[in-house]
Amino acid sequence: MKTYLGLLRGINVGGNSLIKMSDLRDALVKEGHSEVQTYIQSGNIIFKSERTNTTKLAEEITLIINKNFGMSVDVVVFSKTEWQKIIASAPQWWGTDTSWKHNLLVLMRAHDMAEAVQTLGTLKLEIESVEPGERVLYQSMSLEKFGRTSSSKLVSMPVYKKMTIRNFNTANKLLTLLNEL
């Protein structure tokens, strides 16, 4: 069995698309996945499966959620090895400055990362950084000057609906949990 990380987009945010993580765990176990764990309420699933195709696993979890909770939720799945590589490949600046906010922008489907960065427009390098990775964008921005950053406008852009965001601490905690399973 292989270990995987599933990320759900837009659940348990602002009182919308509510799913109890214990119910989600039970639904995944019922469908044949094992050692299912969740981390916080924002849709992070760590599990083991006999299946090896991450795209098909994401589709399967989407169907399980629809069948059990009546919701259409986008899901992306990474193998343990893929997530280890994503965190290990992060730029040196990502997560280091405590006066900045650090996020991992995870694209739900295959996407040209350079194009995703380009949609943000011209970055203000003194207050923000964005770098493409494998299926992710590493983002850091000044907390004090957040409103002036180009990437703060991300929520109003079409590409925003194609991603889920995890902060630096959550991204690293998920790696720890994957490594422990």
Protein backbone atom coordinates (compact mmCIF):
# COMPACT_ATOMS: atom_id res chain seq x y z
CA MET A 1 0.00 0.00 0.00
CA LYS A 2 1.13 3.52 -0.79
CA THR A 3 0.63 6.65 1.29
CA TYR A 4 -1.20 9.65 -0.18
CA LEU A 5 -2.25 13.18 0.62
CA GLY A 6 -5.63 14.41 -0.58
CA LEU A 7 -6.42 18.14 -0.56
CA LEU A 8 -10.01 19.30 -0.86
CA ARG A 9 -10.89 22.75 -2.14
CA GLY A 10 -13.38 24.99 -0.39
CA ILE A 11 -14.83 22.82 2.36
CA ASN A 12 -15.60 24.08 5.87
CA VAL A 13 -14.79 27.66 4.87
CA GLY A 14 -17.03 30.47 6.04
CA GLY A 15 -19.74 28.06 7.13
CA ASN A 16 -20.11 26.63 3.61
CA SER A 17 -19.70 23.09 2.26
CA LEU A 18 -19.53 21.62 5.76
CA ILE A 19 -18.20 18.11 6.12
CA LYS A 20 -17.29 16.52 9.45
CA MET A 21 -13.83 15.07 9.11
CA SER A 22 -14.84 11.98 11.12
CA ASP A 23 -17.65 11.31 8.61
CA LEU A 24 -15.25 11.81 5.71
CA ARG A 25 -12.77 9.36 7.29
CA ASP A 26 -15.54 6.78 7.69
CA ALA A 27 -16.66 7.21 4.06
CA LEU A 28 -13.12 6.71 2.74
CA VAL A 29 -12.53 3.63 4.90
CA LYS A 30 -15.86 2.20 3.72
CA GLU A 31 -14.61 2.56 0.13
CA GLY A 32 -11.43 0.59 0.80
CA HIS A 33 -8.82 3.12 1.89
CA SER A 34 -6.92 2.48 5.09
CA GLU A 35 -5.25 4.37 7.92
CA VAL A 36 -7.25 7.45 6.95
CA GLN A 37 -6.36 10.57 8.93
CA THR A 38 -7.50 14.14 8.56
CA TYR A 39 -5.70 17.27 9.65
CA ILE A 40 -7.66 20.34 10.74
CA GLN A 41 -11.06 21.04 9.25
CA SER A 42 -9.98 22.49 5.90
CA GLY A 43 -9.84 19.29 3.88
CA ASN A 44 -6.51 17.55 4.36
CA ILE A 45 -6.62 13.75 4.12
CA ILE A 46 -3.74 11.35 4.62
CA PHE A 47 -4.46 7.75 3.71
CA LYS A 48 -3.12 4.50 2.33
CA SER A 49 -4.45 2.84 -0.77
CA GLU A 50 -3.74 -0.06 -3.08
CA ARG A 51 -4.50 2.23 -6.01
CA THR A 52 -1.57 4.06 -7.59
CA ASN A 53 -3.03 6.60 -10.02
CA THR A 54 -3.36 9.93 -8.18
CA THR A 55 -5.71 11.42 -10.79
CA LYS A 56 -8.09 8.47 -10.44
CA LEU A 57 -7.82 8.62 -6.64
CA ALA A 58 -8.83 12.31 -6.75
CA GLU A 59 -11.79 11.47 -8.98
CA GLU A 60 -12.80 8.63 -6.66
CA ILE A 61 -12.68 10.87 -3.56
CA THR A 62 -14.75 13.47 -5.42
CA LEU A 63 -17.38 10.79 -6.14
CA ILE A 64 -17.31 9.53 -2.53
CA ILE A 65 -17.93 13.07 -1.26
CA ASN A 66 -20.74 13.60 -3.75
CA LYS A 67 -22.38 10.27 -2.87
CA ASN A 68 -22.07 10.67 0.92
CA PHE A 69 -22.45 14.42 1.39
CA GLY A 70 -24.20 15.63 -1.77
CA MET A 71 -21.44 18.08 -2.61
CA SER A 72 -19.26 18.64 -5.61
CA VAL A 73 -15.76 19.23 -4.26
CA ASP A 74 -12.51 19.51 -6.20
CA VAL A 75 -9.82 17.15 -4.92
CA VAL A 76 -6.14 16.80 -5.76
CA VAL A 77 -4.04 13.85 -4.59
CA PHE A 78 -0.27 13.63 -4.16
CA SER A 79 1.80 10.58 -3.35
CA LYS A 80 3.97 10.82 -0.26
CA THR A 81 7.03 11.04 -2.52
CA GLU A 82 5.51 13.87 -4.58
CA TRP A 83 4.72 15.91 -1.45
CA GLN A 84 8.21 15.28 -0.03
CA LYS A 85 9.67 16.62 -3.27
CA ILE A 86 7.39 19.69 -3.26
CA ILE A 87 8.48 20.69 0.24
CA ALA A 88 12.16 19.86 -0.41
CA SER A 89 12.12 21.89 -3.64
CA ALA A 90 10.77 25.06 -2.03
CA PRO A 91 12.79 28.22 -2.67
CA GLN A 92 15.11 29.23 0.18
CA TRP A 93 13.09 32.37 0.91
CA TRP A 94 9.81 30.50 1.40
CA GLY A 95 8.86 30.36 5.09
CA THR A 96 11.88 32.22 6.43
CA ASP A 97 10.71 35.80 7.12
CA THR A 98 8.27 35.85 10.04
CA SER A 99 6.95 39.27 9.01
CA TRP A 100 5.70 37.73 5.75
CA LYS A 101 2.85 35.33 5.02
CA HIS A 102 3.94 32.13 3.25
CA ASN A 103 1.51 29.98 1.23
CA LEU A 104 1.60 26.99 -1.03
CA LEU A 105 -0.85 27.49 -3.89
CA VAL A 106 -1.78 24.03 -5.12
CA LEU A 107 -3.25 23.73 -8.61
CA MET A 108 -6.13 21.27 -8.73
CA ARG A 109 -5.35 20.11 -12.27
CA ALA A 110 -2.39 20.18 -14.61
CA HIS A 111 -1.63 23.79 -15.43
CA ASP A 112 1.23 25.74 -16.91
CA MET A 113 2.87 27.13 -13.78
CA ALA A 114 4.61 29.97 -15.62
CA GLU A 115 1.21 31.00 -17.00
CA ALA A 116 -0.28 30.91 -13.49
CA VAL A 117 2.47 33.25 -12.24
CA GLN A 118 1.97 35.51 -15.26
CA THR A 119 -1.72 35.95 -14.43
CA LEU A 120 -0.67 37.66 -11.21
CA GLY A 121 0.88 40.49 -13.22
CA THR A 122 4.05 42.29 -12.30
CA LEU A 123 5.14 41.32 -8.82
CA LYS A 124 6.43 43.93 -6.38
CA LEU A 125 9.58 42.08 -5.41
CA GLU A 126 10.24 44.19 -2.33
CA ILE A 127 6.96 42.97 -0.77
CA GLU A 128 6.15 39.65 -2.48
CA SER A 129 7.64 36.58 -4.13
CA VAL A 130 6.03 33.84 -6.18
CA GLU A 131 7.88 30.93 -7.74
CA PRO A 132 6.47 27.99 -9.70
CA GLY A 133 7.14 24.45 -8.56
CA GLU A 134 5.82 21.03 -9.53
CA ARG A 135 2.00 21.50 -9.50
CA VAL A 136 2.34 24.31 -6.95
CA LEU A 137 3.26 27.96 -6.58
CA TYR A 138 5.34 29.05 -3.60
CA GLN A 139 4.09 32.43 -2.42
CA SER A 140 5.39 34.83 0.22
CA MET A 141 4.23 38.37 0.89
CA SER A 142 4.61 41.13 3.42
CA LEU A 143 1.88 41.02 6.06
CA GLU A 144 2.20 44.75 6.62
CA LYS A 145 1.88 45.62 2.93
CA PHE A 146 -0.35 42.75 1.85
CA GLY A 147 -2.97 45.03 0.28
CA ARG A 148 -0.37 46.49 -2.08
CA THR A 149 0.85 43.15 -3.42
CA SER A 150 -0.16 41.92 -6.86
CA SER A 151 -0.81 38.44 -5.47
CA SER A 152 -3.33 39.78 -2.92
CA LYS A 153 -5.69 40.22 -5.88
CA LEU A 154 -5.52 36.50 -6.59
CA VAL A 155 -9.00 35.80 -5.17
CA SER A 156 -10.59 37.87 -7.94
CA MET A 157 -8.78 36.00 -10.74
CA PRO A 158 -10.12 32.94 -12.62
CA VAL A 159 -7.01 30.89 -11.69
CA TYR A 160 -8.04 31.16 -8.00
CA LYS A 161 -10.95 28.78 -8.61
CA LYS A 162 -8.43 26.22 -9.89
CA MET A 163 -6.36 26.05 -6.70
CA THR A 164 -6.41 25.30 -3.02
CA ILE A 165 -4.10 27.08 -0.61
CA ARG A 166 -2.18 25.76 2.39
CA ASN A 167 0.00 27.96 4.54
CA PHE A 168 3.65 27.15 5.23
CA ASN A 169 2.95 25.54 8.62
CA THR A 170 0.13 23.34 7.31
CA ALA A 171 2.15 22.26 4.25
CA ASN A 172 5.00 21.17 6.51
CA LYS A 173 2.73 19.51 9.09
CA LEU A 174 1.18 17.46 6.28
CA LEU A 175 4.68 16.31 5.34
CA THR A 176 5.31 15.26 8.95
CA LEU A 177 2.05 13.31 9.06
CA LEU A 178 2.82 11.61 5.74
CA ASN A 179 6.25 10.61 6.99
CA GLU A 180 4.77 9.17 10.19
CA LEU A 181 2.24 6.95 8.39
